[in-house]
Amino acid sequence: MLAPRKFMQRRKKVEVFKDAADEADQKNWRKLMREIDEVGSAVSILRNKRAKNEALPRDLVLGTLVRFKQLKKWNLVSEILEWLRTQHWWEFSEMDFLMLITAYGKQGEFNKAERLLSYMNKKGYPPSVISHTALMEAYGRGGQYNKAETMFRRMQTSGPEPSALTYQIILKIFVEVKPLY
């Protein structure tokens, strides 16, 4: 009998860790992610993970957010970021705001996205293509097609300059509202 070709053989995934501490951190993080998946809520698990008045490690929080973003679990991303906004130990940055607006956009929560964008402007963060595109997507997912188009037209005329993703999203919105027959 012929042996299977090398390229068709499954390779065993080998994990490489820096040291024993790194291995322990990775295993603890995976356990945390499994717990969040089982419970369906991230904040309760993260709150329990947090020691007495000590901040959670930044790498743990960011890794968790990035992973849920990759998995397109926007409800968990927004839940974590909303919780982080209320935590004194977390310095909520512009990127956190943008990720939260994006999460709201992906969920079609245009009212929350509008309020957050307004709050960002009051705090002195300049409007960006990311925030406007996320709000435009929120309008589209929320069925507010005219508002999405208005946002897009405003971006074209007065900025910020629409990105390739902005065009992709507005085209998707137009196709949803006006199917081509």
Protein backbone atom coordinates (compact mmCIF):
# COMPACT_ATOMS: atom_id res chain seq x y z
CA MET A 1 0.00 0.00 0.00
CA LEU A 2 1.22 3.45 -0.84
CA ALA A 3 1.97 5.90 1.93
CA PRO A 4 0.06 9.18 1.90
CA ARG A 5 1.91 12.05 0.36
CA LYS A 6 3.69 14.36 2.73
CA PHE A 7 1.64 17.43 1.86
CA MET A 8 -1.56 15.53 2.65
CA GLN A 9 -0.44 14.35 6.06
CA ARG A 10 -1.71 16.24 9.03
CA ARG A 11 0.99 17.86 11.01
CA LYS A 12 0.76 17.91 14.73
CA LYS A 13 0.58 21.47 15.96
CA VAL A 14 3.54 22.17 18.18
CA GLU A 15 3.34 25.08 20.54
CA VAL A 16 6.47 26.92 21.50
CA PHE A 17 6.64 28.88 24.72
CA LYS A 18 9.32 31.29 25.89
CA ASP A 19 9.52 29.67 29.29
CA ALA A 20 7.41 27.96 31.94
CA ALA A 21 5.80 31.24 33.00
CA ASP A 22 4.75 31.96 29.41
CA GLU A 23 3.28 28.47 29.12
CA ALA A 24 1.32 28.97 32.35
CA ASP A 25 0.05 32.37 31.14
CA GLN A 26 -1.10 30.89 27.83
CA LYS A 27 -2.90 28.01 29.52
CA ASN A 28 -4.57 30.37 31.99
CA TRP A 29 -5.69 32.62 29.13
CA ARG A 30 -7.18 29.67 27.24
CA LYS A 31 -8.99 28.60 30.40
CA LEU A 32 -10.34 32.14 30.77
CA MET A 33 -11.57 32.12 27.16
CA ARG A 34 -13.30 28.75 27.68
CA GLU A 35 -15.00 30.07 30.83
CA ILE A 36 -16.24 33.15 28.98
CA ASP A 37 -17.58 30.95 26.17
CA GLU A 38 -19.36 28.67 28.64
CA VAL A 39 -20.91 31.50 30.66
CA GLY A 40 -21.62 33.73 27.67
CA SER A 41 -20.59 36.84 29.57
CA ALA A 42 -17.09 38.23 29.79
CA VAL A 43 -17.43 40.83 32.52
CA SER A 44 -18.40 38.45 35.31
CA ILE A 45 -15.40 36.24 34.53
CA LEU A 46 -12.99 39.17 34.22
CA ARG A 47 -14.32 40.70 37.43
CA ASN A 48 -13.66 37.42 39.27
CA LYS A 49 -10.21 37.16 37.70
CA ARG A 50 -9.27 40.58 39.01
CA ALA A 51 -7.48 40.46 42.34
CA LYS A 52 -8.22 42.86 45.17
CA ASN A 53 -7.99 46.38 43.74
CA GLU A 54 -5.38 45.27 41.22
CA ALA A 55 -5.69 45.90 37.53
CA LEU A 56 -5.96 43.02 35.14
CA PRO A 57 -2.83 42.59 33.04
CA ARG A 58 -3.11 44.75 29.92
CA ASP A 59 -1.94 41.87 27.71
CA LEU A 60 -4.72 39.65 29.03
CA VAL A 61 -7.42 42.24 28.35
CA LEU A 62 -6.11 43.20 24.92
CA GLY A 63 -5.58 39.57 23.91
CA THR A 64 -9.13 38.75 24.93
CA LEU A 65 -10.53 41.71 23.00
CA VAL A 66 -8.52 40.91 19.89
CA ARG A 67 -9.56 37.26 19.97
CA PHE A 68 -13.26 38.07 20.31
CA LYS A 69 -12.88 40.62 17.52
CA GLN A 70 -11.33 37.91 15.32
CA LEU A 71 -14.19 35.57 16.21
CA LYS A 72 -16.66 38.37 15.37
CA LYS A 73 -18.24 38.12 18.82
CA TRP A 74 -19.08 41.81 18.87
CA ASN A 75 -21.47 41.50 21.80
CA LEU A 76 -18.60 40.34 24.02
CA VAL A 77 -16.26 43.01 22.64
CA SER A 78 -18.77 45.75 23.45
CA GLU A 79 -19.52 44.23 26.85
CA ILE A 80 -15.84 44.21 27.83
CA LEU A 81 -15.20 47.73 26.52
CA GLU A 82 -18.28 49.16 28.24
CA TRP A 83 -17.06 47.63 31.48
CA LEU A 84 -13.52 48.94 30.96
CA ARG A 85 -14.90 52.47 30.51
CA THR A 86 -16.09 52.35 34.11
CA GLN A 87 -12.85 50.98 35.56
CA HIS A 88 -10.50 53.48 37.17
CA TRP A 89 -7.47 51.28 36.53
CA TRP A 90 -7.99 51.18 32.74
CA GLU A 91 -6.95 54.19 30.70
CA PHE A 92 -9.60 54.25 27.98
CA SER A 93 -7.86 55.38 24.80
CA GLU A 94 -9.00 56.57 21.40
CA MET A 95 -8.47 53.07 20.02
CA ASP A 96 -10.77 51.68 22.71
CA PHE A 97 -13.44 54.19 21.68
CA LEU A 98 -13.01 53.28 18.02
CA MET A 99 -13.25 49.57 18.75
CA LEU A 100 -16.40 50.15 20.80
CA ILE A 101 -17.99 52.20 18.01
CA THR A 102 -17.04 49.43 15.58
CA ALA A 103 -18.62 46.82 17.85
CA TYR A 104 -21.79 48.90 18.05
CA GLY A 105 -21.71 49.25 14.28
CA LYS A 106 -21.39 45.51 13.74
CA GLN A 107 -24.39 44.99 16.03
CA GLY A 108 -26.48 47.70 14.36
CA GLU A 109 -26.62 49.75 17.57
CA PHE A 110 -26.59 53.12 15.83
CA ASN A 111 -27.98 55.06 18.81
CA LYS A 112 -25.13 53.90 21.04
CA ALA A 113 -22.60 54.54 18.26
CA GLU A 114 -23.95 58.09 17.76
CA ARG A 115 -23.77 58.86 21.47
CA LEU A 116 -20.26 57.50 21.76
CA LEU A 117 -19.06 59.46 18.72
CA SER A 118 -20.56 62.62 20.19
CA TYR A 119 -18.85 61.89 23.51
CA MET A 120 -15.53 61.34 21.73
CA ASN A 121 -15.87 64.71 19.99
CA LYS A 122 -16.56 66.41 23.34
CA LYS A 123 -13.45 64.76 24.78
CA GLY A 124 -11.39 66.26 21.97
CA TYR A 125 -10.84 63.22 19.79
CA PRO A 126 -11.00 64.25 16.14
CA PRO A 127 -13.47 62.51 13.83
CA SER A 128 -11.78 59.73 11.89
CA VAL A 129 -12.58 57.55 8.93
CA ILE A 130 -12.81 54.59 11.33
CA SER A 131 -15.44 56.19 13.56
CA HIS A 132 -17.48 57.50 10.64
CA THR A 133 -17.35 54.18 8.79
CA ALA A 134 -18.41 52.31 11.93
CA LEU A 135 -21.33 54.69 12.45
CA MET A 136 -22.29 54.35 8.80
CA GLU A 137 -22.27 50.57 9.18
CA ALA A 138 -24.38 50.86 12.33
CA TYR A 139 -26.94 52.86 10.37
CA GLY A 140 -26.96 50.27 7.61
CA ARG A 141 -27.36 47.32 9.96
CA GLY A 142 -30.01 49.20 11.89
CA GLY A 143 -32.06 49.84 8.75
CA GLN A 144 -31.30 53.57 8.71
CA TYR A 145 -30.20 53.56 5.07
CA ASN A 146 -30.76 57.26 4.45
CA LYS A 147 -28.59 58.18 7.43
CA ALA A 148 -25.88 55.83 6.19
CA GLU A 149 -25.95 57.45 2.78
CA THR A 150 -25.93 60.94 4.31
CA MET A 151 -22.90 60.01 6.41
CA PHE A 152 -21.13 58.69 3.31
CA ARG A 153 -21.93 61.81 1.26
CA ARG A 154 -20.70 64.03 4.10
CA MET A 155 -17.45 62.06 4.20
CA GLN A 156 -17.02 62.55 0.45
CA THR A 157 -17.57 66.30 0.60
CA SER A 158 -16.09 67.42 3.91
CA GLY A 159 -14.05 64.49 5.19
CA PRO A 160 -12.62 62.42 6.56
CA GLU A 161 -11.69 60.81 3.25
CA PRO A 162 -13.57 57.49 2.79
CA SER A 163 -11.40 54.37 2.81
CA ALA A 164 -11.74 51.25 0.70
CA LEU A 165 -13.63 49.65 3.58
CA THR A 166 -16.01 52.62 3.67
CA TYR A 167 -16.83 52.09 0.00
CA GLN A 168 -17.26 48.37 0.56
CA ILE A 169 -19.70 48.95 3.41
CA ILE A 170 -21.77 51.58 1.59
CA LEU A 171 -22.02 49.30 -1.45
CA LYS A 172 -23.22 46.48 0.78
CA ILE A 173 -25.80 48.81 2.32
CA PHE A 174 -27.01 49.93 -1.13
CA VAL A 175 -27.34 46.32 -2.28
CA GLU A 176 -29.36 45.44 0.82
CA VAL A 177 -31.79 48.30 0.38
CA LYS A 178 -32.00 48.29 -3.42
CA PRO A 179 -31.41 44.78 -4.74
CA LEU A 180 -30.31 44.67 -8.36
CA TYR A 181 -32.76 42.65 -10.45
